[in-house]
Amino acid sequence: MREARNLGHLLGGIYAWSLAVFLGAVLLDIVYSTLLEDVDGFLAGPSVYSEVADFLLLVGALTLLFALAAIVVSWDVRPARNLFLVSSLLLVGFEFLAPVVLFPVLRSSHGSSVLGLGPLIRLVPTALASLLAFAGVRALYRQ
């Protein structure tokens, strides 16, 4: 029983850490894409964007794997399980599914600027998911 508890603490901590790293990667992606749009004559722009997108997909996929592992291991601790579930649903919903629906609409509208609504739609849910993951780890340690 103690080994399963320690494994839950470890996987919950790894999930919270990887989600915090993912949040930092999203923030860097937003900053770099803003800086690259301001550079005139930058020819490697699309290739840089695709490499960053591939890196973010890799980090996001690993984070989701850690989320699933943390949810499975902490299934008996209801508060931690629920917090991990909500944070992983936020991650999937806003980082993987929302760009398909929201970003073409935001790019086509004239009111969205570089520092407008687009970056907030990416940052706020990812930051909230990270906070919920750390709250899940706290709930694991409290049990």
Protein backbone atom coordinates (compact mmCIF):
# COMPACT_ATOMS: atom_id res chain seq x y z
CA MET A 1 0.00 0.00 0.00
CA ARG A 2 2.81 2.37 0.86
CA GLU A 3 4.52 1.69 -2.48
CA ALA A 4 1.34 2.60 -4.38
CA ARG A 5 1.03 5.78 -2.34
CA ASN A 6 4.65 6.72 -3.08
CA LEU A 7 4.09 5.96 -6.76
CA GLY A 8 1.03 8.23 -6.73
CA HIS A 9 3.05 11.03 -5.18
CA LEU A 10 5.80 10.54 -7.75
CA LEU A 11 3.53 10.43 -10.80
CA GLY A 12 1.40 13.31 -9.53
CA GLY A 13 4.53 15.38 -9.02
CA ILE A 14 5.89 14.48 -12.45
CA TYR A 15 2.56 15.42 -14.03
CA ALA A 16 2.44 18.78 -12.24
CA TRP A 17 6.06 19.47 -13.16
CA SER A 18 5.58 18.52 -16.82
CA LEU A 19 2.47 20.71 -17.01
CA ALA A 20 4.46 23.63 -15.59
CA VAL A 21 7.16 23.00 -18.22
CA PHE A 22 4.44 22.89 -20.89
CA LEU A 23 3.09 26.23 -19.63
CA GLY A 24 6.58 27.71 -19.96
CA ALA A 25 6.91 26.29 -23.47
CA VAL A 26 3.56 27.81 -24.48
CA LEU A 27 4.65 31.16 -23.06
CA LEU A 28 7.93 31.01 -24.97
CA ASP A 29 6.04 30.05 -28.14
CA ILE A 30 3.83 33.11 -27.78
CA VAL A 31 6.79 35.41 -27.14
CA TYR A 32 8.86 34.01 -30.02
CA SER A 33 5.97 34.08 -32.47
CA THR A 34 5.38 37.72 -31.54
CA LEU A 35 9.06 38.52 -32.05
CA LEU A 36 9.29 36.63 -35.35
CA GLU A 37 6.31 38.49 -36.78
CA ASP A 38 8.14 41.77 -36.18
CA VAL A 39 11.28 40.72 -38.09
CA ASP A 40 11.26 41.88 -41.71
CA GLY A 41 12.55 39.48 -44.33
CA PHE A 42 12.88 36.49 -42.03
CA LEU A 43 12.80 33.57 -44.48
CA ALA A 44 12.90 30.66 -42.02
CA GLY A 45 9.66 31.68 -40.28
CA PRO A 46 7.37 28.82 -41.39
CA SER A 47 10.01 26.15 -40.72
CA VAL A 48 10.65 27.57 -37.27
CA TYR A 49 6.92 27.60 -36.54
CA SER A 50 6.55 23.96 -37.58
CA GLU A 51 9.51 22.88 -35.44
CA VAL A 52 8.11 24.69 -32.41
CA ALA A 53 4.67 23.18 -33.03
CA ASP A 54 6.21 19.70 -33.21
CA PHE A 55 8.09 20.30 -29.96
CA LEU A 56 4.93 21.55 -28.24
CA LEU A 57 2.99 18.50 -29.46
CA LEU A 58 5.67 16.21 -28.09
CA VAL A 59 5.76 17.91 -24.69
CA GLY A 60 1.95 18.01 -24.61
CA ALA A 61 1.67 14.31 -25.46
CA LEU A 62 4.14 13.38 -22.72
CA THR A 63 2.23 15.59 -20.30
CA LEU A 64 -1.01 13.80 -21.20
CA LEU A 65 0.64 10.43 -20.62
CA PHE A 66 1.78 11.57 -17.19
CA ALA A 67 -1.75 12.87 -16.55
CA LEU A 68 -3.28 9.50 -17.35
CA ALA A 69 -0.74 7.73 -15.15
CA ALA A 70 -1.38 10.16 -12.28
CA ILE A 71 -5.14 9.72 -12.61
CA VAL A 72 -4.88 5.92 -12.61
CA VAL A 73 -2.52 5.77 -9.64
CA SER A 74 -4.51 8.31 -7.59
CA TRP A 75 -7.91 6.82 -8.38
CA ASP A 76 -8.63 6.04 -4.71
CA VAL A 77 -7.98 9.64 -3.60
CA ARG A 78 -11.08 11.36 -4.92
CA PRO A 79 -9.99 15.04 -4.59
CA ALA A 80 -6.65 14.41 -6.31
CA ARG A 81 -8.27 12.30 -9.04
CA ASN A 82 -10.86 14.99 -9.78
CA LEU A 83 -8.27 17.76 -9.87
CA PHE A 84 -6.06 15.73 -12.21
CA LEU A 85 -9.06 14.96 -14.43
CA VAL A 86 -10.13 18.60 -14.70
CA SER A 87 -6.59 19.80 -15.38
CA SER A 88 -6.07 17.21 -18.11
CA LEU A 89 -9.44 18.07 -19.69
CA LEU A 90 -8.45 21.74 -19.72
CA LEU A 91 -5.18 20.82 -21.36
CA VAL A 92 -6.83 18.68 -24.03
CA GLY A 93 -9.68 21.11 -24.60
CA PHE A 94 -7.75 24.33 -24.90
CA GLU A 95 -4.37 23.25 -26.23
CA PHE A 96 -5.33 20.49 -28.63
CA LEU A 97 -8.96 21.01 -29.63
CA ALA A 98 -9.55 24.76 -29.34
CA PRO A 99 -6.91 25.77 -31.92
CA VAL A 100 -8.85 23.89 -34.56
CA VAL A 101 -11.99 25.93 -33.83
CA LEU A 102 -10.92 29.22 -32.27
CA PHE A 103 -7.66 30.32 -33.86
CA PRO A 104 -8.90 30.53 -37.48
CA VAL A 105 -11.73 32.74 -36.20
CA LEU A 106 -9.34 34.91 -34.18
CA ARG A 107 -6.89 35.31 -37.05
CA SER A 108 -9.60 36.30 -39.51
CA SER A 109 -11.15 38.93 -37.23
CA HIS A 110 -9.78 42.45 -37.50
CA GLY A 111 -9.96 43.16 -33.77
CA SER A 112 -7.37 40.61 -32.70
CA SER A 113 -3.90 42.03 -32.35
CA VAL A 114 -0.61 40.31 -31.59
CA LEU A 115 -1.11 40.70 -27.84
CA GLY A 116 -4.89 40.42 -28.03
CA LEU A 117 -7.17 37.56 -27.18
CA GLY A 118 -5.29 34.70 -28.87
CA PRO A 119 -2.43 34.39 -26.39
CA LEU A 120 -4.80 34.67 -23.44
CA ILE A 121 -6.88 31.79 -24.77
CA ARG A 122 -3.73 29.67 -24.69
CA LEU A 123 -2.16 30.94 -21.47
CA VAL A 124 -5.06 31.18 -19.03
CA PRO A 125 -6.39 27.60 -19.38
CA THR A 126 -2.89 26.13 -19.37
CA ALA A 127 -1.98 28.11 -16.25
CA LEU A 128 -5.23 27.05 -14.59
CA ALA A 129 -4.54 23.41 -15.51
CA SER A 130 -1.07 23.72 -13.98
CA LEU A 131 -2.48 25.16 -10.76
CA LEU A 132 -5.08 22.39 -10.59
CA ALA A 133 -2.37 19.76 -11.08
CA PHE A 134 -0.36 21.21 -8.19
CA ALA A 135 -3.55 21.26 -6.09
CA GLY A 136 -3.99 17.57 -6.98
CA VAL A 137 -0.49 16.83 -5.74
CA ARG A 138 -1.30 18.69 -2.54
CA ALA A 139 -4.47 16.62 -2.15
CA LEU A 140 -2.39 13.46 -2.58
CA TYR A 141 0.00 14.49 0.15
CA ARG A 142 -2.83 15.41 2.51
CA GLN A 143 -4.24 11.87 2.38
